[in-house]
Amino acid sequence: MTNHALPASLTRRAFLGSTALPLMGCAPDRTIVGGFNGASPERGHLLRKPPSSATPPVERRCDVLIAGGGIAGLSAARMLRRAGLEDFALLELEDAPGGNSRGGQVGGIPCPLGAHYLPVPGDGAGEVREFLEELGIAKRAAGRWTYDERHLVHSPQERLFFNGRWQEGLLPVQGVPAATLAQYRRFSERVAQAQKRARFPLPLRGAAAASHRALDAVTFVSWLDREGLDDEHLRWYLDYCCRDDYGAGIATVSAWAGLHYFASRHGFDAPGEAAVERDALLTWPEGNGWLTSRLAQPLGERLQAGRVVMRINPLRQGVEVLAWDISGNRMERWQADQCIVALPLFVSARVMGAPPRALADAVQRLRYASWAVANVHIDKPLQDRPGAPASWDNVLYGSRGLGYVNAGHQNVNPLPVPTVLTWYRALGEQAGARERLLARTWESWRDEVLDELSVPHPDLRARTLRVEVARYGHAMAVPIPGTRASAALAALRRPQSGLWRGIHFAHSDLSGYSVFEEAFTHGYRAGQAVLSAVGLTAKKGR
């Protein structure tokens, strides 16, 4: 978080001190074990120093090869499978697919390792809604889309720890001055005005409108300065929203991105205004890992996990891919007629021989945020400070972290049972953030999480059994100024020609920011492009 994002009064020391509550930093009542889980930095770093093998590469072939098993790659695989194209393979770096949407277990309790919810898709995200319909979650009745309530976030949904109490919702409202409320209303008006000038599609479609290009040219904080929106409570909330969705705050992301957060969905509701119905959210104990497992399960042996894509070379007819098999400790040489490259763009640029010019240009512009995700296993519900009741999403005003979600919130069992709290922290894209992320011990992350969350929950250390930490060095592309209007990203979203005519890019990086709808739709479109190239058509149903 930069100095421009928040006033000096909102430092971590001020946050902890302003609560007038004791920080439970003493020794824990029990030994709190744990460690690292999730993505393996060591595997990704094999690209820096490729392994050597005394044996020749194993020769493999398929009609279509998908490099990368995140949401985009899994979505593309779904398209191929539904069309009846069976001869394809998906190469995934980790032992399980899903990328930032993987789920896991701590103490036998399912929990997210990354993304933990999906807003019900709007009219522009028809591809995602079709997938949810296929799963039986979405259904169209009497001209309206309805969703299975078992998958919607149960009430209460969210709360904020502010001025020593919990309040409903995440926008600071309890005890704020009239001037703050006036700025809330003014920002609400600005969002509505931006929506009237041009649509904010989600997922992105087409070129950026002129008004969007102007917003894309400046940082969000610069735009707020220009609009006279300087209230510390409003800025904290907007900074939180940007860190939560984009991995970096208002001083880093573009004004287009800051407004897109609201204008692409439900707008911004100021207290006292006629509330617009907010989008419902879908969630599961393991977060979006629930969706990932549904995409991966039908693939069977076509999913080749533990493969590090080392090189992608064009052939006169088709593509050659060299991949290191982790468990087999050997190189594989794959040949395919078509290849969907569902890798982060900075990885694609590293592994592609003579990469397209647009790819090199895009990578020069993109910035990536690092993240830490800690899962805290507790033996029973925690003591709570006064105010709003325990919710699914719980955020602490002024903290460095982004709060936590309760993996057991959807559980209808009324008895007090163990659960897992999933805590998030975005480290932004500042120089050295990734190195600091990877250098820290898991114990230091454990202590940071427990110190922070002990402010509203003084018995947290006594209740904690285990803490596991997932680290993402290049978690997501950050929509800095210039990203939305990038000609290079637009070129990569189109079919490639010439040397790379058999290549189709598919990753959320192509939109310049990372959300499920963007990744899924890019995979969907890449799958369609492959099917068109081989003369097949996607079919409805499984």
Protein backbone atom coordinates (compact mmCIF):
# COMPACT_ATOMS: atom_id res chain seq x y z
CA MET A 1 0.00 0.00 0.00
CA THR A 2 1.51 3.31 -1.01
CA ASN A 3 1.56 6.55 0.93
CA HIS A 4 -0.86 8.07 -1.57
CA ALA A 5 -3.48 5.38 -1.04
CA LEU A 6 -4.40 6.17 2.56
CA PRO A 7 -3.82 9.01 5.00
CA ALA A 8 -1.01 8.58 7.51
CA SER A 9 -3.55 8.09 10.28
CA LEU A 10 -4.39 4.67 8.90
CA THR A 11 -1.08 2.96 9.49
CA ARG A 12 -1.09 -0.51 11.04
CA ARG A 13 0.00 0.94 14.41
CA ALA A 14 -2.90 3.41 14.32
CA PHE A 15 -5.29 0.61 13.37
CA LEU A 16 -4.27 -1.54 16.29
CA GLY A 17 -4.09 1.34 18.73
CA SER A 18 -7.37 2.99 17.77
CA THR A 19 -9.38 -0.03 18.84
CA ALA A 20 -8.48 0.55 22.50
CA LEU A 21 -8.35 -3.24 22.79
CA PRO A 22 -5.39 -5.36 23.90
CA LEU A 23 -3.32 -7.10 21.24
CA MET A 24 -3.03 -10.76 22.10
CA GLY A 25 0.60 -11.13 21.17
CA CYS A 26 1.62 -13.37 24.04
CA ALA A 27 2.71 -16.98 23.65
CA PRO A 28 -0.04 -19.29 22.41
CA ASP A 29 -1.74 -21.63 24.84
CA ARG A 30 -0.87 -24.58 22.62
CA THR A 31 1.63 -25.38 19.91
CA ILE A 32 0.25 -24.03 16.64
CA VAL A 33 1.64 -26.18 13.87
CA GLY A 34 1.49 -25.51 10.14
CA GLY A 35 3.52 -24.84 7.03
CA PHE A 36 3.23 -23.86 3.39
CA ASN A 37 0.72 -25.31 0.95
CA GLY A 38 -0.69 -24.42 -2.46
CA ALA A 39 1.40 -23.52 -5.49
CA SER A 40 5.05 -24.58 -5.59
CA PRO A 41 7.45 -21.70 -6.34
CA GLU A 42 10.20 -24.25 -6.96
CA ARG A 43 8.37 -25.74 -9.94
CA GLY A 44 7.83 -22.41 -11.59
CA HIS A 45 11.49 -21.52 -11.07
CA LEU A 46 12.53 -24.54 -13.17
CA LEU A 47 12.06 -22.22 -16.14
CA ARG A 48 15.10 -20.25 -14.95
CA LYS A 49 17.33 -23.34 -14.83
CA PRO A 50 15.86 -26.14 -16.93
CA PRO A 51 16.52 -29.66 -15.60
CA SER A 52 18.69 -32.02 -17.60
CA SER A 53 18.05 -35.64 -18.41
CA ALA A 54 20.34 -38.38 -19.69
CA THR A 55 17.48 -40.03 -21.55
CA PRO A 56 15.93 -38.72 -24.79
CA PRO A 57 12.52 -37.01 -24.55
CA VAL A 58 9.43 -39.20 -24.53
CA GLU A 59 7.47 -38.58 -27.74
CA ARG A 60 3.77 -37.74 -27.29
CA ARG A 61 1.13 -36.59 -29.76
CA CYS A 62 -2.46 -35.32 -29.73
CA ASP A 63 -4.70 -33.26 -31.97
CA VAL A 64 -4.94 -30.34 -29.53
CA LEU A 65 -2.67 -29.46 -26.62
CA ILE A 66 -3.64 -27.06 -23.82
CA ALA A 67 -0.72 -25.54 -21.91
CA GLY A 68 -1.93 -24.40 -18.49
CA GLY A 69 -4.66 -25.77 -16.20
CA GLY A 70 -6.10 -22.64 -14.62
CA ILE A 71 -9.70 -21.61 -15.20
CA ALA A 72 -9.00 -20.55 -18.80
CA GLY A 73 -7.35 -23.87 -19.70
CA LEU A 74 -10.09 -25.89 -17.98
CA SER A 75 -12.77 -23.86 -19.74
CA ALA A 76 -11.13 -24.51 -23.10
CA ALA A 77 -10.94 -28.23 -22.32
CA ARG A 78 -14.65 -28.23 -21.51
CA MET A 79 -15.40 -26.74 -24.92
CA LEU A 80 -13.39 -29.40 -26.74
CA ARG A 81 -14.92 -32.24 -24.75
CA ARG A 82 -18.49 -31.07 -25.29
CA ALA A 83 -17.89 -30.88 -29.05
CA GLY A 84 -16.72 -34.49 -29.12
CA LEU A 85 -13.05 -33.70 -29.70
CA GLU A 86 -11.47 -36.39 -27.56
CA ASP A 87 -7.82 -36.37 -28.65
CA PHE A 88 -6.47 -33.53 -26.54
CA ALA A 89 -4.28 -33.15 -23.46
CA LEU A 90 -3.97 -30.48 -20.81
CA LEU A 91 -0.55 -29.89 -19.22
CA GLU A 92 -0.67 -28.47 -15.68
CA LEU A 93 2.31 -27.35 -13.60
CA GLU A 94 0.90 -28.34 -10.20
CA ASP A 95 -0.43 -31.69 -9.01
CA ALA A 96 -3.99 -30.35 -9.22
CA PRO A 97 -5.43 -27.81 -11.69
CA GLY A 98 -7.24 -24.58 -10.94
CA GLY A 99 -4.58 -21.89 -10.66
CA ASN A 100 -5.78 -19.16 -8.30
CA SER A 101 -9.08 -21.04 -7.90
CA ARG A 102 -7.73 -24.17 -6.26
CA GLY A 103 -9.28 -25.48 -3.08
CA GLY A 104 -7.79 -27.63 -0.35
CA GLN A 105 -8.31 -29.03 3.13
CA VAL A 106 -6.90 -28.13 6.53
CA GLY A 107 -7.67 -30.50 9.37
CA GLY A 108 -10.04 -32.37 7.05
CA ILE A 109 -12.12 -29.21 6.47
CA PRO A 110 -12.48 -27.95 2.86
CA CYS A 111 -11.27 -24.37 2.39
CA PRO A 112 -10.12 -22.04 -0.42
CA LEU A 113 -6.49 -21.69 -1.40
CA GLY A 114 -7.33 -18.61 -3.45
CA ALA A 115 -10.52 -17.26 -5.06
CA HIS A 116 -13.50 -17.91 -2.81
CA TYR A 117 -16.65 -16.67 -4.58
CA LEU A 118 -18.33 -15.99 -7.92
CA PRO A 119 -20.94 -13.26 -8.43
CA VAL A 120 -24.02 -14.53 -10.23
CA PRO A 121 -23.20 -13.76 -13.87
CA GLY A 122 -24.80 -10.79 -15.60
CA ASP A 123 -26.20 -10.77 -19.11
CA GLY A 124 -22.75 -10.21 -20.59
CA ALA A 125 -21.33 -13.38 -19.03
CA GLY A 126 -23.54 -15.84 -20.87
CA GLU A 127 -20.74 -18.39 -21.17
CA VAL A 128 -20.35 -18.56 -17.38
CA ARG A 129 -24.10 -18.75 -16.84
CA GLU A 130 -24.33 -21.61 -19.34
CA PHE A 131 -21.73 -23.49 -17.29
CA LEU A 132 -23.69 -22.90 -14.08
CA GLU A 133 -26.83 -24.12 -15.83
CA GLU A 134 -24.97 -27.26 -16.84
CA LEU A 135 -24.09 -27.83 -13.16
CA GLY A 136 -27.72 -27.40 -12.10
CA ILE A 137 -27.02 -24.19 -10.17
CA ALA A 138 -28.71 -21.76 -12.59
CA LYS A 139 -32.16 -22.20 -14.11
CA ARG A 140 -34.29 -20.00 -16.32
CA ALA A 141 -37.94 -19.85 -15.30
CA ALA A 142 -40.66 -17.42 -16.41
CA GLY A 143 -38.11 -15.29 -18.22
CA ARG A 144 -35.83 -14.91 -15.18
CA TRP A 145 -32.66 -16.62 -14.07
CA THR A 146 -32.79 -18.18 -10.61
CA TYR A 147 -30.03 -19.83 -8.60
CA ASP A 148 -30.01 -22.76 -6.22
CA GLU A 149 -30.03 -21.16 -2.78
CA ARG A 150 -27.73 -23.83 -1.39
CA HIS A 151 -24.91 -22.26 -3.42
CA LEU A 152 -25.71 -18.61 -2.65
CA VAL A 153 -23.89 -16.95 0.25
CA HIS A 154 -25.98 -17.39 3.38
CA SER A 155 -26.85 -14.38 5.54
CA PRO A 156 -25.24 -12.51 7.18
CA GLN A 157 -22.90 -11.89 4.28
CA GLU A 158 -20.33 -9.27 5.34
CA ARG A 159 -19.31 -7.02 8.20
CA LEU A 160 -16.60 -4.50 9.10
CA PHE A 161 -14.68 -4.10 12.36
CA PHE A 162 -14.69 -0.32 12.77
CA ASN A 163 -14.12 1.85 15.86
CA GLY A 164 -13.98 -1.18 18.15
CA ARG A 165 -17.29 -2.69 16.96
CA TRP A 166 -18.60 -4.83 14.15
CA GLN A 167 -20.98 -3.12 11.73
CA GLU A 168 -23.04 -4.61 8.90
CA GLY A 169 -21.58 -4.07 5.42
CA LEU A 170 -18.05 -3.01 4.48
CA LEU A 171 -18.56 0.73 3.91
CA PRO A 172 -17.70 2.63 7.15
CA VAL A 173 -20.93 4.25 8.38
CA GLN A 174 -21.15 4.11 12.16
CA GLY A 175 -20.23 7.47 13.65
CA VAL A 176 -18.78 8.98 10.46
CA PRO A 177 -19.36 12.75 9.98
CA ALA A 178 -21.87 14.31 7.60
CA ALA A 179 -19.04 15.33 5.26
CA THR A 180 -18.14 11.66 4.80
CA LEU A 181 -21.73 10.76 3.92
CA ALA A 182 -21.80 13.62 1.42
CA GLN A 183 -18.71 12.25 -0.32
CA TYR A 184 -20.28 8.78 -0.43
CA ARG A 185 -23.24 10.33 -2.28
CA ARG A 186 -20.97 12.26 -4.64
CA PHE A 187 -18.99 9.14 -5.54
CA SER A 188 -22.27 7.29 -6.14
CA GLU A 189 -23.26 10.04 -8.60
CA ARG A 190 -19.93 9.78 -10.41
CA VAL A 191 -20.32 6.02 -10.83
CA ALA A 192 -23.85 6.47 -12.22
CA GLN A 193 -22.59 9.14 -14.64
CA ALA A 194 -19.81 6.85 -15.86
CA GLN A 195 -22.33 4.05 -16.45
CA LYS A 196 -24.47 6.37 -18.58
CA ARG A 197 -21.54 7.45 -20.76
CA ALA A 198 -20.56 3.89 -21.73
CA ARG A 199 -21.19 0.32 -20.59
CA PHE A 200 -18.61 -1.39 -18.41
CA PRO A 201 -18.86 -4.94 -19.82
CA LEU A 202 -17.87 -7.98 -17.76
CA PRO A 203 -16.20 -9.89 -19.32
CA LEU A 204 -14.59 -7.32 -21.61
CA ARG A 205 -15.86 -7.16 -25.16
CA GLY A 206 -14.69 -4.91 -27.96
CA ALA A 207 -12.51 -1.83 -27.92
CA ALA A 208 -12.55 0.62 -25.03
CA ALA A 209 -14.96 3.55 -25.34
CA ALA A 210 -13.49 7.06 -25.50
CA SER A 211 -14.56 7.81 -21.92
CA HIS A 212 -12.93 4.58 -20.77
CA ARG A 213 -9.66 5.41 -22.52
CA ALA A 214 -9.57 8.72 -20.65
CA LEU A 215 -10.13 6.94 -17.34
CA ASP A 216 -7.53 4.32 -18.27
CA ALA A 217 -4.89 7.01 -18.72
CA VAL A 218 -4.71 8.02 -15.03
CA THR A 219 -4.51 6.34 -11.66
CA PHE A 220 -7.64 6.01 -9.56
CA VAL A 221 -6.18 8.21 -6.82
CA SER A 222 -5.45 10.95 -9.38
CA TRP A 223 -9.05 10.81 -10.55
CA LEU A 224 -10.30 10.99 -6.96
CA ASP A 225 -8.08 14.03 -6.38
CA ARG A 226 -9.51 15.71 -9.45
CA GLU A 227 -13.06 15.01 -8.30
CA GLY A 228 -12.38 16.36 -4.82
CA LEU A 229 -13.10 12.96 -3.23
CA ASP A 230 -10.59 13.04 -0.40
CA ASP A 231 -12.51 11.62 2.57
CA GLU A 232 -10.34 9.10 4.44
CA HIS A 233 -13.19 6.64 5.01
CA LEU A 234 -14.23 6.63 1.35
CA ARG A 235 -10.63 6.25 0.24
CA TRP A 236 -10.02 3.40 2.66
CA TYR A 237 -13.05 1.57 1.27
CA LEU A 238 -12.09 2.14 -2.38
CA ASP A 239 -8.51 1.10 -1.65
CA TYR A 240 -9.78 -2.07 0.03
CA CYS A 241 -11.99 -2.88 -2.99
CA CYS A 242 -9.10 -2.45 -5.42
CA ARG A 243 -6.69 -4.51 -3.32
CA ASP A 244 -9.35 -7.21 -3.00
CA ASP A 245 -10.16 -7.48 -6.73
CA TYR A 246 -6.93 -6.33 -8.37
CA GLY A 247 -4.17 -6.99 -5.83
CA ALA A 248 -3.10 -3.32 -5.62
CA GLY A 249 -4.58 -0.10 -4.27
CA ILE A 250 -5.99 3.15 -5.62
CA ALA A 251 -2.54 4.70 -6.16
CA THR A 252 -1.62 1.89 -8.56
CA VAL A 253 -4.70 0.82 -10.54
CA SER A 254 -6.26 2.95 -13.24
CA ALA A 255 -9.37 5.08 -12.73
CA TRP A 256 -11.09 2.84 -15.28
CA ALA A 257 -10.38 -0.21 -13.08
CA GLY A 258 -11.51 1.56 -9.92
CA LEU A 259 -14.84 2.52 -11.47
CA HIS A 260 -15.21 -0.81 -13.28
CA TYR A 261 -15.35 -2.54 -9.90
CA PHE A 262 -18.71 -0.87 -9.29
CA ALA A 263 -20.00 0.15 -12.72
CA SER A 264 -19.72 -3.33 -14.26
CA ARG A 265 -22.19 -4.70 -11.71
CA HIS A 266 -24.40 -3.01 -9.14
CA GLY A 267 -23.03 0.52 -8.93
CA PHE A 268 -22.28 2.17 -5.59
CA ASP A 269 -24.98 2.60 -2.93
CA ALA A 270 -24.47 5.53 -0.58
CA PRO A 271 -26.20 5.28 2.81
CA GLY A 272 -29.68 6.72 2.68
CA GLU A 273 -30.12 6.25 -1.07
CA ALA A 274 -32.66 3.91 -2.58
CA ALA A 275 -30.63 0.72 -2.62
CA VAL A 276 -30.05 -1.04 -5.90
CA GLU A 277 -30.36 -4.80 -5.58
CA ARG A 278 -26.81 -6.06 -5.25
CA ASP A 279 -25.57 -9.06 -7.14
CA ALA A 280 -25.88 -12.28 -5.18
CA LEU A 281 -22.70 -14.29 -4.63
CA LEU A 282 -22.07 -18.00 -5.08
CA THR A 283 -19.65 -19.71 -2.72
CA TRP A 284 -18.62 -23.10 -1.37
CA PRO A 285 -16.50 -24.24 1.61
CA GLU A 286 -13.52 -24.76 -0.72
CA GLY A 287 -14.24 -21.53 -2.61
CA ASN A 288 -13.97 -21.64 -6.38
CA GLY A 289 -12.16 -24.94 -6.00
CA TRP A 290 -15.65 -26.43 -6.12
CA LEU A 291 -16.03 -25.15 -9.68
CA THR A 292 -12.50 -26.20 -10.59
CA SER A 293 -13.13 -29.79 -9.55
CA ARG A 294 -16.29 -29.90 -11.73
CA LEU A 295 -14.30 -28.69 -14.72
CA ALA A 296 -11.41 -31.10 -14.12
CA GLN A 297 -13.24 -34.31 -13.15
CA PRO A 298 -14.46 -35.29 -16.66
CA LEU A 299 -10.98 -34.92 -18.19
CA GLY A 300 -9.57 -38.17 -16.80
CA GLU A 301 -6.15 -39.01 -18.21
CA ARG A 302 -6.29 -36.08 -20.60
CA LEU A 303 -5.27 -33.99 -17.59
CA GLN A 304 -1.49 -34.34 -17.35
CA ALA A 305 -0.54 -32.82 -14.00
CA GLY A 306 3.00 -32.16 -12.78
CA ARG A 307 4.18 -30.92 -16.18
CA VAL A 308 6.35 -27.84 -16.52
CA VAL A 309 5.98 -26.37 -20.00
CA MET A 310 9.55 -25.47 -20.97
CA ARG A 311 9.30 -24.57 -24.66
CA ILE A 312 6.68 -23.99 -27.35
CA ASN A 313 7.99 -24.05 -30.91
CA PRO A 314 6.11 -23.57 -34.20
CA LEU A 315 6.34 -26.33 -36.77
CA ARG A 316 5.55 -26.23 -40.46
CA GLN A 317 2.41 -28.14 -39.59
CA GLY A 318 1.36 -27.64 -36.00
CA VAL A 319 3.21 -26.97 -32.76
CA GLU A 320 5.89 -28.70 -30.65
CA VAL A 321 5.85 -28.42 -26.86
CA LEU A 322 8.62 -29.57 -24.54
CA ALA A 323 7.41 -30.31 -21.00
CA TRP A 324 9.24 -31.62 -17.94
CA ASP A 325 7.45 -34.49 -16.20
CA ILE A 326 8.05 -33.90 -12.47
CA SER A 327 7.25 -37.39 -11.20
CA GLY A 328 8.89 -39.18 -14.13
CA ASN A 329 11.97 -36.93 -13.96
CA ARG A 330 12.11 -36.76 -17.75
CA MET A 331 11.38 -34.50 -20.69
CA GLU A 332 8.38 -35.04 -22.94
CA ARG A 333 8.11 -33.79 -26.51
CA TRP A 334 4.51 -33.18 -27.52
CA GLN A 335 3.31 -32.48 -31.04
CA ALA A 336 -0.15 -31.17 -31.83
CA ASP A 337 -2.02 -29.58 -34.71
CA GLN A 338 -3.43 -26.83 -32.48
CA CYS A 339 -2.25 -25.41 -29.15
CA ILE A 340 -4.12 -23.31 -26.61
CA VAL A 341 -1.62 -21.34 -24.53
CA ALA A 342 -3.44 -20.79 -21.23
CA LEU A 343 -0.36 -19.60 -19.34
CA PRO A 344 0.27 -16.20 -17.73
CA LEU A 345 1.60 -13.97 -20.49
CA PHE A 346 4.99 -13.46 -18.85
CA VAL A 347 5.43 -17.26 -18.84
CA SER A 348 4.21 -17.53 -22.43
CA ALA A 349 6.82 -14.97 -23.53
CA ARG A 350 9.56 -16.96 -21.78
CA VAL A 351 8.71 -20.36 -23.27
CA MET A 352 7.69 -19.42 -26.82
CA GLY A 353 10.41 -19.48 -29.45
CA ALA A 354 10.29 -16.22 -31.47
CA PRO A 355 7.14 -15.02 -29.65
CA PRO A 356 4.68 -12.72 -31.43
CA ARG A 357 5.61 -9.04 -31.17
CA ALA A 358 2.31 -8.29 -29.43
CA LEU A 359 3.20 -10.76 -26.67
CA ALA A 360 6.52 -9.07 -25.95
CA ASP A 361 4.83 -5.66 -25.94
CA ALA A 362 2.07 -6.84 -23.60
CA VAL A 363 4.52 -8.34 -21.10
CA GLN A 364 6.47 -5.08 -20.95
CA ARG A 365 3.28 -3.29 -19.88
CA LEU A 366 1.80 -5.83 -17.46
CA ARG A 367 2.49 -5.79 -13.73
CA TYR A 368 1.70 -8.64 -11.35
CA ALA A 369 0.60 -8.61 -7.72
CA SER A 370 1.86 -11.06 -5.12
CA TRP A 371 -0.57 -12.61 -2.61
CA ALA A 372 -0.51 -14.61 0.60
CA VAL A 373 -3.48 -16.73 1.69
CA ALA A 374 -3.50 -18.22 5.19
CA ASN A 375 -5.94 -20.89 6.35
CA VAL A 376 -6.44 -20.91 10.13
CA HIS A 377 -7.96 -24.08 11.60
CA ILE A 378 -9.85 -23.34 14.83
CA ASP A 379 -11.44 -25.89 17.14
CA LYS A 380 -14.67 -23.96 17.79
CA PRO A 381 -16.29 -20.56 17.13
CA LEU A 382 -14.43 -17.52 18.43
CA GLN A 383 -15.32 -14.91 20.99
CA ASP A 384 -16.51 -11.74 19.29
CA ARG A 385 -16.52 -8.02 19.89
CA PRO A 386 -19.89 -6.22 20.04
CA GLY A 387 -21.96 -5.37 17.00
CA ALA A 388 -23.01 -7.25 13.88
CA PRO A 389 -23.03 -11.05 14.08
CA ALA A 390 -20.40 -13.37 12.59
CA SER A 391 -20.57 -13.27 8.80
CA TRP A 392 -19.13 -15.04 5.80
CA ASP A 393 -16.79 -12.12 4.96
CA ASN A 394 -15.17 -10.29 7.89
CA VAL A 395 -12.97 -7.22 7.26
CA LEU A 396 -10.92 -5.08 9.66
CA TYR A 397 -10.77 -1.35 8.94
CA GLY A 398 -7.24 -0.09 8.40
CA SER A 399 -5.54 -3.49 8.44
CA ARG A 400 -2.88 -4.63 6.00
CA GLY A 401 -4.82 -7.83 5.36
CA LEU A 402 -8.13 -8.08 3.55
CA GLY A 403 -9.94 -9.86 6.36
CA TYR A 404 -11.13 -13.45 6.33
CA VAL A 405 -13.94 -15.66 5.11
CA ASN A 406 -15.35 -18.52 7.15
CA ALA A 407 -15.21 -21.83 5.27
CA GLY A 408 -17.93 -23.19 7.56
CA HIS A 409 -20.39 -20.36 6.92
CA GLN A 410 -22.49 -22.41 4.49
CA ASN A 411 -22.79 -25.25 6.99
CA VAL A 412 -26.40 -25.62 8.19
CA ASN A 413 -25.32 -27.58 11.28
CA PRO A 414 -26.35 -25.36 14.26
CA LEU A 415 -23.78 -26.94 16.61
CA PRO A 416 -20.46 -25.18 17.33
CA VAL A 417 -17.97 -27.16 15.26
CA PRO A 418 -14.38 -26.63 14.11
CA THR A 419 -13.92 -24.50 11.01
CA VAL A 420 -11.25 -22.77 8.90
CA LEU A 421 -10.83 -19.01 8.54
CA THR A 422 -9.22 -18.02 5.22
CA TRP A 423 -7.24 -14.77 5.48
CA TYR A 424 -6.01 -12.81 2.49
CA ARG A 425 -3.26 -10.27 1.95
CA ALA A 426 -2.39 -8.59 -1.36
CA LEU A 427 1.22 -7.39 -1.47
CA GLY A 428 0.73 -5.28 -4.60
CA GLU A 429 3.20 -5.02 -7.45
CA GLN A 430 5.93 -2.96 -5.80
CA ALA A 431 9.54 -3.93 -6.41
CA GLY A 432 10.71 -6.66 -4.07
CA ALA A 433 7.23 -7.75 -2.93
CA ARG A 434 7.58 -11.20 -4.46
CA GLU A 435 11.03 -11.73 -2.98
CA ARG A 436 9.80 -10.72 0.47
CA LEU A 437 6.79 -13.02 0.10
CA LEU A 438 8.97 -16.04 -0.64
CA ALA A 439 11.68 -15.19 1.91
CA ARG A 440 9.38 -15.12 4.92
CA THR A 441 8.92 -18.21 7.08
CA TRP A 442 5.47 -19.67 7.52
CA GLU A 443 5.76 -18.87 11.23
CA SER A 444 6.09 -15.16 10.48
CA TRP A 445 2.93 -15.30 8.38
CA ARG A 446 1.20 -17.22 11.18
CA ASP A 447 2.12 -14.54 13.70
CA GLU A 448 0.97 -11.70 11.43
CA VAL A 449 -2.41 -13.34 10.86
CA LEU A 450 -2.97 -14.17 14.53
CA ASP A 451 -1.86 -10.73 15.70
CA GLU A 452 -4.21 -9.01 13.28
CA LEU A 453 -7.27 -11.17 13.88
CA SER A 454 -6.78 -11.30 17.65
CA VAL A 455 -7.94 -7.68 17.87
CA PRO A 456 -11.62 -8.56 17.23
CA HIS A 457 -11.16 -12.17 18.46
CA PRO A 458 -9.08 -12.17 21.69
CA ASP A 459 -9.24 -15.98 22.09
CA LEU A 460 -7.95 -16.73 18.58
CA ARG A 461 -4.56 -18.07 19.65
CA ALA A 462 -6.14 -20.37 22.22
CA ARG A 463 -8.56 -21.72 19.62
CA THR A 464 -6.08 -22.16 16.73
CA LEU A 465 -4.81 -25.66 15.91
CA ARG A 466 -3.00 -25.14 12.62
CA VAL A 467 -2.09 -22.43 10.09
CA GLU A 468 -1.21 -23.19 6.47
CA VAL A 469 0.00 -20.49 4.07
CA ALA A 470 -0.26 -20.40 0.28
CA ARG A 471 1.99 -18.00 -1.63
CA TYR A 472 1.42 -16.62 -5.11
CA GLY A 473 4.38 -14.69 -6.48
CA HIS A 474 2.60 -13.65 -9.69
CA ALA A 475 -0.98 -14.03 -8.53
CA MET A 476 -2.71 -11.66 -10.91
CA ALA A 477 -2.20 -8.97 -13.50
CA VAL A 478 -2.79 -5.48 -12.09
CA PRO A 479 -4.85 -3.08 -14.27
CA ILE A 480 -2.43 -0.14 -14.17
CA PRO A 481 -3.04 2.90 -16.41
CA GLY A 482 -2.89 1.98 -20.08
CA THR A 483 -3.91 -1.65 -19.62
CA ARG A 484 -7.55 -1.39 -20.81
CA ALA A 485 -6.56 0.41 -24.01
CA SER A 486 -3.52 -1.81 -24.72
CA ALA A 487 -3.29 -2.59 -28.44
CA ALA A 488 -0.96 -5.50 -27.66
CA LEU A 489 -3.52 -7.26 -25.44
CA ALA A 490 -6.20 -6.66 -28.06
CA ALA A 491 -3.97 -8.30 -30.69
CA LEU A 492 -3.44 -11.37 -28.52
CA ARG A 493 -7.19 -11.76 -28.06
CA ARG A 494 -7.55 -12.23 -31.83
CA PRO A 495 -6.59 -15.37 -33.81
CA GLN A 496 -2.86 -15.52 -34.57
CA SER A 497 -1.48 -15.76 -38.10
CA GLY A 498 1.75 -16.54 -39.88
CA LEU A 499 4.28 -18.52 -37.86
CA TRP A 500 1.84 -18.91 -34.93
CA ARG A 501 -1.40 -19.61 -36.81
CA GLY A 502 -2.02 -22.78 -34.76
CA ILE A 503 -1.71 -20.92 -31.44
CA HIS A 504 -4.66 -19.55 -29.43
CA PHE A 505 -4.05 -17.49 -26.29
CA ALA A 506 -6.39 -17.93 -23.31
CA HIS A 507 -5.77 -16.36 -19.91
CA SER A 508 -7.26 -13.65 -17.71
CA ASP A 509 -4.08 -11.65 -18.45
CA LEU A 510 -5.62 -10.87 -21.84
CA SER A 511 -8.07 -8.61 -20.01
CA GLY A 512 -5.37 -7.07 -17.85
CA TYR A 513 -6.98 -8.14 -14.58
CA SER A 514 -7.89 -11.45 -12.98
CA VAL A 515 -11.46 -12.52 -12.28
CA PHE A 516 -13.23 -15.81 -12.97
CA GLU A 517 -15.51 -14.42 -15.69
CA GLU A 518 -12.59 -13.12 -17.75
CA ALA A 519 -10.52 -16.31 -17.48
CA PHE A 520 -13.47 -18.61 -18.23
CA THR A 521 -14.59 -16.61 -21.24
CA HIS A 522 -11.10 -16.43 -22.76
CA GLY A 523 -10.88 -20.22 -22.47
CA TYR A 524 -14.33 -20.57 -23.99
CA ARG A 525 -13.38 -18.40 -26.98
CA ALA A 526 -10.07 -20.21 -27.52
CA GLY A 527 -11.93 -23.52 -27.50
CA GLN A 528 -14.35 -22.16 -30.07
CA ALA A 529 -11.45 -21.01 -32.26
CA VAL A 530 -9.89 -24.48 -32.18
CA LEU A 531 -13.20 -26.14 -33.00
CA SER A 532 -13.64 -23.79 -35.93
CA ALA A 533 -10.13 -24.62 -37.16
CA VAL A 534 -10.86 -28.37 -37.11
CA GLY A 535 -14.43 -28.08 -38.40
CA LEU A 536 -16.37 -28.97 -35.23
CA THR A 537 -19.15 -27.18 -33.33
CA ALA A 538 -19.67 -27.02 -29.58
CA LYS A 539 -22.70 -28.92 -28.34
CA LYS A 540 -25.13 -28.10 -25.56
CA GLY A 541 -24.90 -30.23 -22.43
CA ARG A 542 -22.24 -32.52 -21.09
